[in-house]
Amino acid sequence: MSPKEIIDRQIVMEIKRMLISTDLSAKEIADRFHFDSTSYMGRYFRRHTGMTPTEFREQ
């Protein structure tokens, strides 16, 4: 695994944790992880998980 893959995996795990254990909005989570926008975080999350943050939270 490359360093980028390790970092991406850790970020996705932290986003998942926040989606499950908090009521923070996607915007608030995107801000905490310094994404430029909520839509960029959504695309990043979907690329790594196959679902949007909203879909993940609802499952």
N, C-alpha and C. Protein backbone atom coordinates (compact mmCIF):
# COMPACT_ATOMS: atom_id res chain seq x y z
N MET A 1 0.83 -1.19 0.00
CA MET A 1 0.00 0.00 0.00
C MET A 1 0.87 1.25 0.00
N SER A 2 0.49 2.19 -0.82
CA SER A 2 1.25 3.45 -0.87
C SER A 2 0.84 4.34 0.31
N PRO A 3 1.67 5.32 0.64
CA PRO A 3 1.30 6.25 1.71
C PRO A 3 -0.03 6.95 1.43
N LYS A 4 -0.29 7.31 0.18
CA LYS A 4 -1.56 7.97 -0.16
C LYS A 4 -2.74 7.05 0.12
N GLU A 5 -2.60 5.77 -0.23
CA GLU A 5 -3.69 4.82 0.02
C GLU A 5 -3.95 4.66 1.52
N ILE A 6 -2.89 4.66 2.32
CA ILE A 6 -3.05 4.55 3.78
C ILE A 6 -3.78 5.78 4.32
N ILE A 7 -3.38 6.95 3.85
CA ILE A 7 -4.03 8.20 4.29
C ILE A 7 -5.49 8.22 3.85
N ASP A 8 -5.76 7.87 2.60
CA ASP A 8 -7.15 7.83 2.11
C ASP A 8 -7.99 6.88 2.95
N ARG A 9 -7.46 5.69 3.24
CA ARG A 9 -8.20 4.72 4.04
C ARG A 9 -8.53 5.28 5.42
N GLN A 10 -7.56 5.95 6.04
CA GLN A 10 -7.77 6.52 7.37
C GLN A 10 -8.82 7.64 7.33
N ILE A 11 -8.75 8.49 6.33
CA ILE A 11 -9.73 9.58 6.20
C ILE A 11 -11.13 9.02 6.01
N VAL A 12 -11.28 8.02 5.15
CA VAL A 12 -12.59 7.42 4.91
C VAL A 12 -13.11 6.77 6.20
N MET A 13 -12.24 6.09 6.95
CA MET A 13 -12.66 5.48 8.21
C MET A 13 -13.14 6.54 9.20
N GLU A 14 -12.45 7.67 9.27
CA GLU A 14 -12.85 8.74 10.18
C GLU A 14 -14.17 9.39 9.73
N ILE A 15 -14.34 9.59 8.44
CA ILE A 15 -15.62 10.14 7.95
C ILE A 15 -16.75 9.18 8.28
N LYS A 16 -16.54 7.88 8.06
CA LYS A 16 -17.57 6.88 8.40
C LYS A 16 -17.91 6.95 9.88
N ARG A 17 -16.88 7.04 10.74
CA ARG A 17 -17.10 7.11 12.18
C ARG A 17 -17.95 8.33 12.54
N MET A 18 -17.65 9.45 11.93
CA MET A 18 -18.41 10.67 12.22
C MET A 18 -19.84 10.57 11.71
N LEU A 19 -20.03 9.95 10.55
CA LEU A 19 -21.38 9.80 10.01
C LEU A 19 -22.23 8.90 10.91
N ILE A 20 -21.60 7.89 11.50
CA ILE A 20 -22.32 6.95 12.36
C ILE A 20 -22.56 7.52 13.76
N SER A 21 -21.54 8.12 14.34
CA SER A 21 -21.60 8.45 15.76
C SER A 21 -21.96 9.89 16.09
N THR A 22 -22.13 10.75 15.07
CA THR A 22 -22.50 12.14 15.35
C THR A 22 -23.67 12.55 14.47
N ASP A 23 -24.24 13.68 14.81
CA ASP A 23 -25.31 14.26 14.00
C ASP A 23 -24.78 15.42 13.15
N LEU A 24 -23.46 15.50 12.99
CA LEU A 24 -22.88 16.57 12.18
C LEU A 24 -23.36 16.44 10.74
N SER A 25 -23.58 17.58 10.11
CA SER A 25 -23.97 17.57 8.70
C SER A 25 -22.76 17.24 7.84
N ALA A 26 -23.03 16.87 6.60
CA ALA A 26 -21.95 16.60 5.66
C ALA A 26 -21.07 17.83 5.50
N LYS A 27 -21.66 19.01 5.52
CA LYS A 27 -20.88 20.26 5.41
C LYS A 27 -19.92 20.40 6.58
N GLU A 28 -20.41 20.12 7.79
CA GLU A 28 -19.55 20.24 8.97
C GLU A 28 -18.40 19.22 8.93
N ILE A 29 -18.70 18.02 8.48
CA ILE A 29 -17.66 17.00 8.35
C ILE A 29 -16.65 17.40 7.28
N ALA A 30 -17.13 17.89 6.16
CA ALA A 30 -16.24 18.35 5.08
C ALA A 30 -15.32 19.45 5.59
N ASP A 31 -15.87 20.38 6.37
CA ASP A 31 -15.06 21.46 6.92
C ASP A 31 -13.99 20.93 7.87
N ARG A 32 -14.34 19.96 8.70
CA ARG A 32 -13.38 19.41 9.66
C ARG A 32 -12.21 18.71 8.96
N PHE A 33 -12.47 18.13 7.80
CA PHE A 33 -11.42 17.44 7.06
C PHE A 33 -10.80 18.32 5.98
N HIS A 34 -11.17 19.59 5.98
CA HIS A 34 -10.59 20.60 5.08
C HIS A 34 -10.82 20.31 3.59
N PHE A 35 -11.99 19.72 3.28
CA PHE A 35 -12.36 19.58 1.88
C PHE A 35 -12.82 20.95 1.39
N ASP A 36 -12.57 21.23 0.10
CA ASP A 36 -12.96 22.53 -0.46
C ASP A 36 -14.47 22.72 -0.46
N SER A 37 -15.22 21.63 -0.61
CA SER A 37 -16.67 21.73 -0.64
C SER A 37 -17.28 20.40 -0.20
N THR A 38 -18.55 20.46 0.13
CA THR A 38 -19.28 19.25 0.50
C THR A 38 -19.37 18.30 -0.67
N SER A 39 -19.56 18.84 -1.86
CA SER A 39 -19.68 17.97 -3.04
C SER A 39 -18.36 17.26 -3.33
N TYR A 40 -17.24 17.92 -3.09
CA TYR A 40 -15.95 17.26 -3.29
C TYR A 40 -15.77 16.12 -2.30
N MET A 41 -16.15 16.34 -1.03
CA MET A 41 -16.07 15.26 -0.05
C MET A 41 -16.97 14.10 -0.46
N GLY A 42 -18.16 14.42 -0.97
CA GLY A 42 -19.08 13.38 -1.42
C GLY A 42 -18.49 12.54 -2.54
N ARG A 43 -17.86 13.19 -3.51
CA ARG A 43 -17.22 12.46 -4.61
C ARG A 43 -16.06 11.60 -4.11
N TYR A 44 -15.27 12.17 -3.21
CA TYR A 44 -14.13 11.44 -2.62
C TYR A 44 -14.65 10.21 -1.87
N PHE A 45 -15.66 10.40 -1.04
CA PHE A 45 -16.22 9.30 -0.25
C PHE A 45 -16.81 8.23 -1.16
N ARG A 46 -17.53 8.66 -2.19
CA ARG A 46 -18.15 7.70 -3.11
C ARG A 46 -17.09 6.91 -3.89
N ARG A 47 -16.02 7.57 -4.28
CA ARG A 47 -14.94 6.89 -5.01
C ARG A 47 -14.32 5.77 -4.16
N HIS A 48 -14.27 5.98 -2.85
CA HIS A 48 -13.64 5.00 -1.97
C HIS A 48 -14.61 3.97 -1.39
N THR A 49 -15.91 4.28 -1.36
CA THR A 49 -16.86 3.36 -0.71
C THR A 49 -17.95 2.86 -1.64
N GLY A 50 -18.17 3.56 -2.77
CA GLY A 50 -19.24 3.17 -3.67
C GLY A 50 -20.59 3.75 -3.30
N MET A 51 -20.64 4.58 -2.26
CA MET A 51 -21.89 5.23 -1.88
C MET A 51 -21.61 6.64 -1.37
N THR A 52 -22.66 7.46 -1.38
CA THR A 52 -22.51 8.83 -0.89
C THR A 52 -22.54 8.82 0.64
N PRO A 53 -22.08 9.90 1.27
CA PRO A 53 -22.16 9.98 2.73
C PRO A 53 -23.60 9.82 3.24
N THR A 54 -24.56 10.39 2.53
CA THR A 54 -25.96 10.28 2.94
C THR A 54 -26.44 8.84 2.86
N GLU A 55 -26.10 8.16 1.77
CA GLU A 55 -26.47 6.74 1.63
C GLU A 55 -25.84 5.91 2.75
N PHE A 56 -24.58 6.20 3.07
CA PHE A 56 -23.90 5.46 4.12
C PHE A 56 -24.58 5.70 5.46
N ARG A 57 -24.93 6.93 5.75
CA ARG A 57 -25.57 7.25 7.03
C ARG A 57 -26.94 6.60 7.15
N GLU A 58 -27.66 6.50 6.06
CA GLU A 58 -29.02 5.94 6.10
C GLU A 58 -29.03 4.43 6.19
N GLN A 59 -27.96 3.76 5.81
CA GLN A 59 -27.98 2.28 5.83
C GLN A 59 -27.89 1.70 7.21
